[in-house]
Amino acid sequence: MEFTELNEPLVVTDGNVDKSSFSGVAMRDVRFEDAKMTSAQFDHVDLTGAIVSRAKLANARFSNVDLSGVHVENATLAGATIRDADLSGVAISDCDTSKMRIDGYLVSDLIAAYRKSV
C-alpha cells in the first residue's frame, strides 16, 4: 500500500507495518504506543521536544546526534560507551557511578584523589 501526499491523520491499531519507509513526511504530535520498532533506523530526523518513556533502547547506536538540553532520568546506562562527545556542562547526580570510567580512570578513584587534595 502506498500513500503519496497524504494530508490527514493516519490511525493504525494492531497492525503490522514491518519494513515500511517514511521519507519527507511531517509527523508532528504523533504517538507511538506499545510499538515494536526493533532495528528501526532514524536518519536526519528532528525529534526536538520528543518524549521517550518506558522504552527499551538496549544496543541502540547514536551517532552525530544533538542531545543538548536532554533530560535523562531513571535510566540504565550500564555498559554504555560514550566516545568523542562534548560533555561540557553535563551534570550527574544521584547516580550509581561504580565501575564508571573516564579516559580509563575509575571515577571513584578520581573523586577520592580530589577529596584528598582539598
Protein backbone atom coordinates (compact mmCIF):
# COMPACT_ATOMS: atom_id res chain seq x y z
CA MET A 1 0.00 0.00 0.00
CA GLU A 2 1.42 3.38 -0.91
CA PHE A 3 0.30 6.79 0.29
CA THR A 4 1.52 9.84 -1.60
CA GLU A 5 0.72 13.38 -0.46
CA LEU A 6 -1.49 12.16 2.38
CA ASN A 7 -2.88 15.18 4.27
CA GLU A 8 -4.98 13.66 7.03
CA PRO A 9 -4.23 11.83 10.28
CA LEU A 10 -3.45 8.15 9.91
CA VAL A 11 -4.51 5.73 12.68
CA VAL A 12 -3.04 2.26 12.70
CA THR A 13 -4.12 -0.09 15.50
CA ASP A 14 -2.91 -3.66 16.00
CA GLY A 15 -1.23 -3.55 12.62
CA ASN A 16 1.95 -4.88 11.14
CA VAL A 17 3.81 -2.35 9.04
CA ASP A 18 7.19 -4.13 9.08
CA LYS A 19 9.72 -2.84 6.55
CA SER A 20 7.72 0.36 5.97
CA SER A 21 9.50 3.52 4.91
CA PHE A 22 8.67 7.12 5.73
CA SER A 23 10.55 9.81 3.84
CA GLY A 24 9.95 13.54 3.66
CA VAL A 25 6.94 13.33 5.97
CA ALA A 26 5.72 15.73 8.65
CA MET A 27 4.87 13.75 11.78
CA ARG A 28 4.27 16.41 14.42
CA ASP A 29 2.40 15.38 17.55
CA VAL A 30 2.43 11.68 16.62
CA ARG A 31 2.21 8.96 19.24
CA PHE A 32 3.73 5.51 19.18
CA GLU A 33 2.48 3.28 21.98
CA ASP A 34 3.20 -0.40 22.58
CA ALA A 35 5.18 -0.44 19.35
CA LYS A 36 7.90 -2.88 18.41
CA MET A 37 10.45 -0.90 16.41
CA THR A 38 13.47 -3.22 16.69
CA SER A 39 16.16 -2.46 14.12
CA ALA A 40 14.37 0.78 13.16
CA GLN A 41 16.55 3.43 11.54
CA PHE A 42 16.15 7.15 12.10
CA ASP A 43 18.29 9.31 9.83
CA HIS A 44 18.14 13.10 9.59
CA VAL A 45 15.13 13.18 11.94
CA ASP A 46 14.13 16.16 14.09
CA LEU A 47 12.95 14.81 17.45
CA THR A 48 13.13 18.16 19.26
CA GLY A 49 10.85 18.01 22.31
CA ALA A 50 10.22 14.27 21.89
CA ILE A 51 9.24 12.34 24.99
CA VAL A 52 10.57 8.80 25.25
CA SER A 53 9.19 6.85 28.20
CA ARG A 54 9.34 3.19 29.16
CA ALA A 55 11.40 2.49 26.04
CA LYS A 56 13.99 -0.22 25.55
CA LEU A 57 16.98 1.21 23.68
CA ALA A 58 19.44 -1.57 24.56
CA ASN A 59 22.23 -1.86 22.00
CA ALA A 60 20.96 1.24 20.17
CA ARG A 61 23.57 3.39 18.46
CA PHE A 62 23.54 7.16 18.44
CA SER A 63 25.96 8.99 16.16
CA ASN A 64 26.07 12.59 15.01
CA VAL A 65 23.18 13.48 17.31
CA ASP A 66 22.45 16.67 19.23
CA LEU A 67 21.43 15.73 22.76
CA SER A 68 21.98 19.21 24.21
CA GLY A 69 19.50 20.01 26.95
CA VAL A 70 18.31 16.41 27.12
CA HIS A 71 17.00 15.17 30.47
CA VAL A 72 17.72 11.54 31.38
CA GLU A 73 16.06 10.15 34.48
CA ASN A 74 15.56 6.63 35.85
CA ALA A 75 17.66 5.21 33.02
CA THR A 76 20.07 2.31 32.83
CA LEU A 77 23.31 3.14 31.05
CA ALA A 78 25.27 0.16 32.44
CA GLY A 79 27.86 -0.94 29.93
CA ALA A 80 27.29 2.10 27.70
CA THR A 81 30.17 3.73 25.82
CA ILE A 82 30.32 7.47 25.19
CA ARG A 83 33.09 8.47 22.81
CA ASP A 84 34.07 11.71 21.10
CA ALA A 85 31.29 13.65 22.84
CA ASP A 86 31.01 17.20 24.15
CA LEU A 87 30.13 16.72 27.81
CA SER A 88 30.68 20.34 28.84
CA GLY A 89 28.09 21.43 31.37
CA VAL A 90 26.80 17.89 31.95
CA ALA A 91 25.50 17.36 35.50
CA ILE A 92 25.33 13.90 37.04
CA SER A 93 23.58 13.47 40.38
CA ASP A 94 22.06 10.67 42.45
CA CYS A 95 23.60 8.07 40.12
CA ASP A 96 25.47 4.81 40.70
CA THR A 97 28.90 5.57 39.22
CA SER A 98 30.61 2.40 40.48
CA LYS A 99 32.84 0.95 37.78
CA MET A 100 32.32 4.11 35.69
CA ARG A 101 35.50 5.15 33.90
CA ILE A 102 36.61 8.38 32.28
CA ASP A 103 39.58 8.01 29.95
CA GLY A 104 40.34 4.67 31.66
CA TYR A 105 40.27 6.02 35.22
CA LEU A 106 37.67 4.88 37.73
CA VAL A 107 35.51 7.86 38.69
CA SER A 108 35.51 6.69 42.32
CA ASP A 109 39.33 6.89 42.33
CA LEU A 110 39.27 10.36 40.77
CA ILE A 111 36.78 11.60 43.36
CA ALA A 112 38.82 10.07 46.21
CA ALA A 113 42.00 11.71 44.91
CA TYR A 114 40.23 15.06 44.59
CA ARG A 115 38.87 14.85 48.14
CA LYS A 116 42.36 14.14 49.47
CA SER A 117 43.74 17.19 47.69
CA VAL A 118 41.25 19.69 49.13
